[in-house]
C-alpha atoms as a PDB file:
ATOM      1  CA  MET A   1       1.883  42.121  13.905  1.00  0.00           C
ATOM      2  CA  HIS A   2       1.860  40.346  17.301  1.00  0.00           C
ATOM      3  CA  ASP A   3      -1.060  42.543  18.354  1.00  0.00           C
ATOM      4  CA  ASP A   4      -3.190  41.453  15.393  1.00  0.00           C
ATOM      5  CA  PRO A   5      -6.170  39.551  16.904  1.00  0.00           C
ATOM      6  CA  SER A   6      -6.458  37.227  13.909  1.00  0.00           C
ATOM      7  CA  CYS A   7      -2.764  36.300  14.201  1.00  0.00           C
ATOM      8  CA  ILE A   8      -3.136  35.623  17.916  1.00  0.00           C
ATOM      9  CA  ALA A   9      -6.267  33.548  17.336  1.00  0.00           C
ATOM     10  CA  SER A  10      -4.466  31.484  14.675  1.00  0.00           C
ATOM     11  CA  LEU A  11      -1.542  30.837  17.005  1.00  0.00           C
ATOM     12  CA  LEU A  12      -3.864  29.736  19.812  1.00  0.00           C
ATOM     13  CA  ARG A  13      -5.814  27.434  17.513  1.00  0.00           C
ATOM     14  CA  ALA A  14      -2.574  25.839  16.271  1.00  0.00           C
ATOM     15  CA  ARG A  15      -1.376  25.358  19.858  1.00  0.00           C
ATOM     16  CA  TYR A  16      -4.575  23.625  20.940  1.00  0.00           C
ATOM     17  CA  LYS A  17      -4.825  21.563  17.756  1.00  0.00           C
ATOM     18  CA  GLN A  18      -1.396  19.982  18.269  1.00  0.00           C
ATOM     19  CA  ARG A  19      -2.458  18.879  21.761  1.00  0.00           C
ATOM     20  CA  LEU A  20      -5.478  16.886  20.589  1.00  0.00           C
ATOM     21  CA  PRO A  21      -5.611  13.113  20.883  1.00  0.00           C
ATOM     22  CA  SER A  22      -6.475  11.334  17.657  1.00  0.00           C
ATOM     23  CA  SER A  23      -9.811  10.207  19.134  1.00  0.00           C
ATOM     24  CA  LEU A  24     -11.946  10.898  22.186  1.00  0.00           C
ATOM     25  CA  ASN A  25     -11.601   7.164  22.904  1.00  0.00           C
ATOM     26  CA  GLU A  26      -8.056   7.927  24.098  1.00  0.00           C
ATOM     27  CA  LEU A  27      -9.491   9.904  27.023  1.00  0.00           C
ATOM     28  CA  ALA A  28      -9.223   7.229  29.685  1.00  0.00           C
ATOM     29  CA  GLY A  29      -9.043   9.360  32.817  1.00  0.00           C
ATOM     30  CA  PRO A  30     -10.730   8.501  36.092  1.00  0.00           C
ATOM     31  CA  GLU A  31     -14.475   8.787  36.598  1.00  0.00           C
ATOM     32  CA  HIS A  32     -14.478   9.168  40.393  1.00  0.00           C
ATOM     33  CA  GLY A  33     -12.270  10.084  43.304  1.00  0.00           C
ATOM     34  CA  MET A  34      -9.451  12.483  43.954  1.00  0.00           C
ATOM     35  CA  VAL A  35      -7.143  13.694  41.187  1.00  0.00           C
ATOM     36  CA  GLU A  36      -3.917  15.619  41.719  1.00  0.00           C
ATOM     37  CA  LEU A  37      -2.928  17.786  38.783  1.00  0.00           C
ATOM     38  CA  PRO A  38       0.781  18.394  38.153  1.00  0.00           C
ATOM     39  CA  LEU A  39       2.226  21.883  38.477  1.00  0.00           C
ATOM     40  CA  HIS A  40       2.584  22.348  34.717  1.00  0.00           C
ATOM     41  CA  ILE A  41      -1.222  22.189  34.464  1.00  0.00           C
ATOM     42  CA  ALA A  42      -2.357  23.833  37.707  1.00  0.00           C
ATOM     43  CA  TRP A  43       0.287  26.207  39.006  1.00  0.00           C
ATOM     44  CA  SER A  44      -2.096  28.154  41.249  1.00  0.00           C
ATOM     45  CA  GLY A  45      -5.294  27.394  43.109  1.00  0.00           C
ATOM     46  CA  LEU A  46      -6.555  23.890  43.769  1.00  0.00           C
ATOM     47  CA  ARG A  47      -4.385  21.090  42.463  1.00  0.00           C
ATOM     48  CA  ILE A  48      -6.190  18.217  44.160  1.00  0.00           C
ATOM     49  CA  LEU A  49      -9.775  17.928  42.977  1.00  0.00           C
ATOM     50  CA  ASN A  50     -12.595  15.528  43.749  1.00  0.00           C
ATOM     51  CA  LEU A  51     -14.351  14.243  40.627  1.00  0.00           C
ATOM     52  CA  ASP A  52     -17.366  13.359  42.757  1.00  0.00           C
ATOM     53  CA  ARG A  53     -17.974  17.060  43.465  1.00  0.00           C
ATOM     54  CA  PRO A  54     -19.592  18.674  40.396  1.00  0.00           C
ATOM     55  CA  ARG A  55     -17.871  22.074  40.651  1.00  0.00           C
ATOM     56  CA  GLN A  56     -14.453  20.509  41.162  1.00  0.00           C
ATOM     57  CA  ARG A  57     -15.055  18.154  38.228  1.00  0.00           C
ATOM     58  CA  VAL A  58     -15.889  21.114  35.961  1.00  0.00           C
ATOM     59  CA  SER A  59     -12.855  23.007  37.271  1.00  0.00           C
ATOM     60  CA  LEU A  60     -10.547  20.068  36.559  1.00  0.00           C
ATOM     61  CA  TYR A  61     -11.857  19.632  33.010  1.00  0.00           C
ATOM     62  CA  ARG A  62     -11.684  23.345  32.281  1.00  0.00           C
ATOM     63  CA  THR A  63      -8.103  23.548  33.561  1.00  0.00           C
ATOM     64  CA  VAL A  64      -6.887  20.432  31.736  1.00  0.00           C
ATOM     65  CA  LEU A  65      -8.516  21.524  28.463  1.00  0.00           C
ATOM     66  CA  ALA A  66      -6.769  24.891  28.690  1.00  0.00           C
ATOM     67  CA  GLU A  67      -3.364  23.908  30.040  1.00  0.00           C
ATOM     68  CA  GLY A  68      -2.869  20.205  29.443  1.00  0.00           C
ATOM     69  CA  MET A  69      -0.744  18.622  26.744  1.00  0.00           C
ATOM     70  CA  ARG A  70      -1.930  15.607  24.710  1.00  0.00           C
ATOM     71  CA  ASP A  71      -0.768  13.060  27.323  1.00  0.00           C
ATOM     72  CA  ASP A  72      -2.432  15.073  30.095  1.00  0.00           C
ATOM     73  CA  LEU A  73      -5.761  15.088  28.276  1.00  0.00           C
ATOM     74  CA  CYS A  74      -5.604  11.309  27.886  1.00  0.00           C
ATOM     75  CA  ARG A  75      -4.548  10.801  31.501  1.00  0.00           C
ATOM     76  CA  PHE A  76      -6.944  13.162  33.294  1.00  0.00           C
ATOM     77  CA  LEU A  77     -10.020  13.404  31.061  1.00  0.00           C
ATOM     78  CA  ASN A  78     -12.641  10.733  30.549  1.00  0.00           C
ATOM     79  CA  LYS A  79     -14.612  10.556  27.309  1.00  0.00           C
ATOM     80  CA  GLY A  80     -17.976   9.959  28.992  1.00  0.00           C
ATOM     81  CA  ILE A  81     -17.551  12.782  31.455  1.00  0.00           C
ATOM     82  CA  LEU A  82     -16.311  15.165  28.765  1.00  0.00           C
ATOM     83  CA  LEU A  83     -19.374  14.425  26.609  1.00  0.00           C
ATOM     84  CA  GLU A  84     -21.642  14.933  29.623  1.00  0.00           C
ATOM     85  CA  LEU A  85     -19.995  18.224  30.632  1.00  0.00           C
ATOM     86  CA  TRP A  86     -19.448  19.649  27.142  1.00  0.00           C
ATOM     87  CA  PRO A  87     -22.657  21.758  26.962  1.00  0.00           C
ATOM     88  CA  LEU A  88     -21.480  23.614  30.085  1.00  0.00           C
ATOM     89  CA  LEU A  89     -17.731  23.552  29.385  1.00  0.00           C
ATOM     90  CA  ARG A  90     -18.109  25.066  25.921  1.00  0.00           C
ATOM     91  CA  LYS A  91     -19.489  28.197  27.617  1.00  0.00           C
ATOM     92  CA  LEU A  92     -16.611  28.379  30.100  1.00  0.00           C
ATOM     93  CA  ILE A  93     -13.578  27.838  27.869  1.00  0.00           C
ATOM     94  CA  SER A  94     -12.007  30.080  25.272  1.00  0.00           C
ATOM     95  CA  THR A  95     -13.341  30.191  21.734  1.00  0.00           C
ATOM     96  CA  ALA A  96     -10.079  28.741  20.408  1.00  0.00           C
ATOM     97  CA  ILE A  97     -10.279  25.696  22.690  1.00  0.00           C
ATOM     98  CA  LYS A  98     -13.969  25.174  21.905  1.00  0.00           C
ATOM     99  CA  ASP A  99     -13.658  25.577  18.145  1.00  0.00           C
ATOM    100  CA  VAL A 100     -10.631  23.307  17.764  1.00  0.00           C
ATOM    101  CA  ARG A 101     -12.274  20.512  19.734  1.00  0.00           C
ATOM    102  CA  GLU A 102     -15.663  20.771  18.057  1.00  0.00           C
ATOM    103  CA  GLU A 103     -14.033  20.696  14.606  1.00  0.00           C
ATOM    104  CA  ALA A 104     -11.934  17.658  15.509  1.00  0.00           C
ATOM    105  CA  PHE A 105     -14.653  15.771  17.378  1.00  0.00           C
ATOM    106  CA  PRO A 106     -18.141  16.232  15.906  1.00  0.00           C
ATOM    107  CA  GLU A 107     -19.623  14.127  18.744  1.00  0.00           C
ATOM    108  CA  LEU A 108     -19.068  17.103  21.024  1.00  0.00           C
END
């Protein structure tokens, strides 16, 4: 049962759905500068990222979308930047993350 792909996909979707803010307007993260991610989000690799460097900005958003809890999304993500990056991010994140967010937020 635990190896059933549809069961795993449902569990992942439920996990990501419970982490969503009620609105993208809650995403009030920084637009520029250095951001240090806590260990519960980024436990390996870069933890301090520069939002003014495009690759690091994409890396931060990808990591927070995958590993962050609701409060983390609101703290580290910015609505304007997320909307700007979404066409690229949606190709880099898992299907579960992408689908849950696009269903909840049609503006994406």
